[in-house]
Each structure stands twice: as C-alpha cells, then as structure tokens.
Amino acid sequence: MTSRAYAAERTIGRLLIGITYVSVGLLAIGFVLMIANGISPLDAGPPLDLRTLGAQLVALDPAGYLWLGLLAVIAAPIGRVLVAAFAYARDADWTMVAVSVAILAVIAIGVGIAAAATV
C-alpha cells in the first residue's frame, strides 16, 4: 500500500468514526428528549420533512434529532464512497473511480425510486 493510499484510508476511517459519533449523539439526544416529553419509543413517529428539520432542532423536537441522526447514519457509507472516489482520482486509478461512481449511481437510483414511491 502506498503512503497516499494509506493516508486516504486513514481519512476515510476518521470520517466514518466522526459520523458515527455524531449519529449516536444525535440519536441519544432525540431519545432523551422523547423521554422528557413523555413520548414512548413504540409510538408512531412523524414522517421525515426536510423543510421543517431545522425548526424541529431549534424547538428541541425529538423527531428532528432522531431524523438527523438517522440521516447521518445513512450518509456515512455514501461519504466513504465519495472520499474513496476522490482518492482514486488523485491516484489516476480510473477503474476504481468508475466503480465508485457506479456505486453512487446505484444509491442515487435507489433513493430516487424510493422518493417517487412515497409521492
């Protein structure tokens, strides 16, 4: 493994660790706010609405923190693929760049299909 590849893997590892800590922290805050507001974890939760997420966070609404934590969990592997794609491009490893882009395309198609199905 080259020093450049090692540095990229180290950056990716730090990214995943950081996102994991942020995710767990947000989910924990949301859980504590649920308990403080007398909301049972078994109750049905509100749907995700990105337009009101900021207002939910400011209002200390547990749903906002839980949704943001879940979005961070989902973003972790996507961020890993993005960082890897840039690292491969920097090393001119075009085959792996193509694989990374293909993975991102599959994720985007899946999100698009899911979004279209909920409308």
C-alpha atoms as a PDB file:
ATOM      1  CA  MET A   1       0.000   0.000   0.000  1.00  0.00           C
ATOM      2  CA  THR A   2       1.402   3.387  -0.954  1.00  0.00           C
ATOM      3  CA  SER A   3       1.636   6.195   1.548  1.00  0.00           C
ATOM      4  CA  ARG A   4      -1.037   8.058  -0.409  1.00  0.00           C
ATOM      5  CA  ALA A   5      -3.436   5.117  -0.245  1.00  0.00           C
ATOM      6  CA  TYR A   6      -2.715   4.691   3.441  1.00  0.00           C
ATOM      7  CA  ALA A   7      -3.465   8.379   4.042  1.00  0.00           C
ATOM      8  CA  ALA A   8      -6.727   8.093   2.106  1.00  0.00           C
ATOM      9  CA  GLU A   9      -7.812   5.037   4.093  1.00  0.00           C
ATOM     10  CA  ARG A  10      -6.922   6.820   7.315  1.00  0.00           C
ATOM     11  CA  THR A  11      -9.004   9.842   6.269  1.00  0.00           C
ATOM     12  CA  ILE A  12     -11.911   7.573   5.374  1.00  0.00           C
ATOM     13  CA  GLY A  13     -11.644   5.823   8.731  1.00  0.00           C
ATOM     14  CA  ARG A  14     -11.678   9.123  10.586  1.00  0.00           C
ATOM     15  CA  LEU A  15     -14.666  10.269   8.545  1.00  0.00           C
ATOM     16  CA  LEU A  16     -16.629   7.137   9.444  1.00  0.00           C
ATOM     17  CA  ILE A  17     -15.695   7.384  13.120  1.00  0.00           C
ATOM     18  CA  GLY A  18     -16.691  11.053  13.232  1.00  0.00           C
ATOM     19  CA  ILE A  19     -20.023  10.471  11.521  1.00  0.00           C
ATOM     20  CA  THR A  20     -20.711   7.535  13.833  1.00  0.00           C
ATOM     21  CA  TYR A  21     -20.110   9.664  16.928  1.00  0.00           C
ATOM     22  CA  VAL A  22     -22.297  12.465  15.581  1.00  0.00           C
ATOM     23  CA  SER A  23     -25.056   9.982  14.676  1.00  0.00           C
ATOM     24  CA  VAL A  24     -25.048   8.307  18.073  1.00  0.00           C
ATOM     25  CA  GLY A  25     -25.012  11.690  19.803  1.00  0.00           C
ATOM     26  CA  LEU A  26     -27.983  12.962  17.805  1.00  0.00           C
ATOM     27  CA  LEU A  27     -29.939   9.755  18.355  1.00  0.00           C
ATOM     28  CA  ALA A  28     -29.176   9.881  22.094  1.00  0.00           C
ATOM     29  CA  ILE A  29     -30.341  13.496  22.313  1.00  0.00           C
ATOM     30  CA  GLY A  30     -33.533  12.574  20.472  1.00  0.00           C
ATOM     31  CA  PHE A  31     -34.129   9.645  22.807  1.00  0.00           C
ATOM     32  CA  VAL A  32     -33.600  11.779  25.921  1.00  0.00           C
ATOM     33  CA  LEU A  33     -35.964  14.421  24.520  1.00  0.00           C
ATOM     34  CA  MET A  34     -38.559  11.705  23.875  1.00  0.00           C
ATOM     35  CA  ILE A  35     -38.359  10.596  27.498  1.00  0.00           C
ATOM     36  CA  ALA A  36     -38.506  14.206  28.711  1.00  0.00           C
ATOM     37  CA  ASN A  37     -41.630  14.821  26.602  1.00  0.00           C
ATOM     38  CA  GLY A  38     -43.299  11.578  27.681  1.00  0.00           C
ATOM     39  CA  ILE A  39     -43.180  10.049  24.192  1.00  0.00           C
ATOM     40  CA  SER A  40     -42.969   6.279  24.009  1.00  0.00           C
ATOM     41  CA  PRO A  41     -40.398   4.807  21.605  1.00  0.00           C
ATOM     42  CA  LEU A  42     -43.174   2.485  20.447  1.00  0.00           C
ATOM     43  CA  ASP A  43     -45.391   5.366  19.265  1.00  0.00           C
ATOM     44  CA  ALA A  44     -45.524   6.015  15.544  1.00  0.00           C
ATOM     45  CA  GLY A  45     -43.119   8.760  14.587  1.00  0.00           C
ATOM     46  CA  PRO A  46     -43.677  11.691  12.284  1.00  0.00           C
ATOM     47  CA  PRO A  47     -42.598  11.435   8.654  1.00  0.00           C
ATOM     48  CA  LEU A  48     -39.340  12.998   7.528  1.00  0.00           C
ATOM     49  CA  ASP A  49     -39.822  16.563   6.280  1.00  0.00           C
ATOM     50  CA  LEU A  50     -36.516  18.178   5.386  1.00  0.00           C
ATOM     51  CA  ARG A  51     -38.144  21.624   5.187  1.00  0.00           C
ATOM     52  CA  THR A  52     -39.030  21.586   8.889  1.00  0.00           C
ATOM     53  CA  LEU A  53     -35.948  19.754  10.190  1.00  0.00           C
ATOM     54  CA  GLY A  54     -34.147  22.963  11.206  1.00  0.00           C
ATOM     55  CA  ALA A  55     -37.195  24.274  13.038  1.00  0.00           C
ATOM     56  CA  GLN A  56     -37.557  20.929  14.831  1.00  0.00           C
ATOM     57  CA  LEU A  57     -33.947  21.105  16.001  1.00  0.00           C
ATOM     58  CA  VAL A  58     -34.334  24.658  17.289  1.00  0.00           C
ATOM     59  CA  ALA A  59     -37.592  23.733  19.042  1.00  0.00           C
ATOM     60  CA  LEU A  60     -35.879  20.714  20.674  1.00  0.00           C
ATOM     61  CA  ASP A  61     -38.383  18.410  18.984  1.00  0.00           C
ATOM     62  CA  PRO A  62     -37.130  14.834  19.448  1.00  0.00           C
ATOM     63  CA  ALA A  63     -38.153  13.893  15.900  1.00  0.00           C
ATOM     64  CA  GLY A  64     -35.707  16.404  14.439  1.00  0.00           C
ATOM     65  CA  TYR A  65     -32.759  14.949  16.324  1.00  0.00           C
ATOM     66  CA  LEU A  66     -33.770  11.371  15.574  1.00  0.00           C
ATOM     67  CA  TRP A  67     -34.197  12.084  11.855  1.00  0.00           C
ATOM     68  CA  LEU A  68     -30.903  13.968  11.658  1.00  0.00           C
ATOM     69  CA  GLY A  69     -29.149  11.093  13.438  1.00  0.00           C
ATOM     70  CA  LEU A  70     -30.634   8.592  11.008  1.00  0.00           C
ATOM     71  CA  LEU A  71     -29.662  10.750   8.031  1.00  0.00           C
ATOM     72  CA  ALA A  72     -26.109  10.877   9.358  1.00  0.00           C
ATOM     73  CA  VAL A  73     -26.050   7.070   9.634  1.00  0.00           C
ATOM     74  CA  ILE A  74     -27.206   6.835   6.024  1.00  0.00           C
ATOM     75  CA  ALA A  75     -24.656   9.435   4.900  1.00  0.00           C
ATOM     76  CA  ALA A  76     -21.670   7.562   6.365  1.00  0.00           C
ATOM     77  CA  PRO A  77     -21.248   4.920   3.649  1.00  0.00           C
ATOM     78  CA  ILE A  78     -22.051   7.456   0.944  1.00  0.00           C
ATOM     79  CA  GLY A  79     -19.358   9.758   2.314  1.00  0.00           C
ATOM     80  CA  ARG A  80     -16.927   6.854   2.374  1.00  0.00           C
ATOM     81  CA  VAL A  81     -17.525   6.137  -1.320  1.00  0.00           C
ATOM     82  CA  LEU A  82     -17.164   9.835  -2.202  1.00  0.00           C
ATOM     83  CA  VAL A  83     -13.857  10.190  -0.370  1.00  0.00           C
ATOM     84  CA  ALA A  84     -12.604   6.963  -1.951  1.00  0.00           C
ATOM     85  CA  ALA A  85     -13.584   8.203  -5.428  1.00  0.00           C
ATOM     86  CA  PHE A  86     -11.576  11.395  -4.937  1.00  0.00           C
ATOM     87  CA  ALA A  87      -8.615   9.430  -3.601  1.00  0.00           C
ATOM     88  CA  TYR A  88      -8.714   7.078  -6.584  1.00  0.00           C
ATOM     89  CA  ALA A  89      -8.982  10.027  -8.979  1.00  0.00           C
ATOM     90  CA  ARG A  90      -5.975  11.671  -7.354  1.00  0.00           C
ATOM     91  CA  ASP A  91      -4.027   8.453  -7.933  1.00  0.00           C
ATOM     92  CA  ALA A  92      -5.374   8.188 -11.517  1.00  0.00           C
ATOM     93  CA  ASP A  93      -6.945   4.792 -10.766  1.00  0.00           C
ATOM     94  CA  TRP A  94      -9.766   5.282 -13.256  1.00  0.00           C
ATOM     95  CA  THR A  95     -11.176   1.778 -12.911  1.00  0.00           C
ATOM     96  CA  MET A  96     -11.824   2.319  -9.215  1.00  0.00           C
ATOM     97  CA  VAL A  97     -13.183   5.822  -9.899  1.00  0.00           C
ATOM     98  CA  ALA A  98     -15.674   4.211 -12.291  1.00  0.00           C
ATOM     99  CA  VAL A  99     -16.626   1.624  -9.668  1.00  0.00           C
ATOM    100  CA  SER A 100     -17.123   4.368  -7.078  1.00  0.00           C
ATOM    101  CA  VAL A 101     -19.250   6.419  -9.451  1.00  0.00           C
ATOM    102  CA  ALA A 102     -21.293   3.320 -10.323  1.00  0.00           C
ATOM    103  CA  ILE A 103     -21.927   2.682  -6.612  1.00  0.00           C
ATOM    104  CA  LEU A 104     -23.039   6.285  -6.146  1.00  0.00           C
ATOM    105  CA  ALA A 105     -25.313   5.969  -9.193  1.00  0.00           C
ATOM    106  CA  VAL A 106     -26.955   2.846  -7.773  1.00  0.00           C
ATOM    107  CA  ILE A 107     -27.519   4.645  -4.465  1.00  0.00           C
ATOM    108  CA  ALA A 108     -28.975   7.676  -6.278  1.00  0.00           C
ATOM    109  CA  ILE A 109     -31.295   5.477  -8.336  1.00  0.00           C
ATOM    110  CA  GLY A 110     -32.477   3.699  -5.180  1.00  0.00           C
ATOM    111  CA  VAL A 111     -33.155   6.988  -3.419  1.00  0.00           C
ATOM    112  CA  GLY A 112     -34.948   8.317  -6.487  1.00  0.00           C
ATOM    113  CA  ILE A 113     -37.165   5.259  -6.739  1.00  0.00           C
ATOM    114  CA  ALA A 114     -37.968   5.392  -3.032  1.00  0.00           C
ATOM    115  CA  ALA A 115     -38.755   9.110  -3.226  1.00  0.00           C
ATOM    116  CA  ALA A 116     -41.010   8.604  -6.237  1.00  0.00           C
ATOM    117  CA  ALA A 117     -42.846   5.779  -4.495  1.00  0.00           C
ATOM    118  CA  THR A 118     -43.691   7.943  -1.476  1.00  0.00           C
ATOM    119  CA  VAL A 119     -45.112  10.833  -3.503  1.00  0.00           C
END
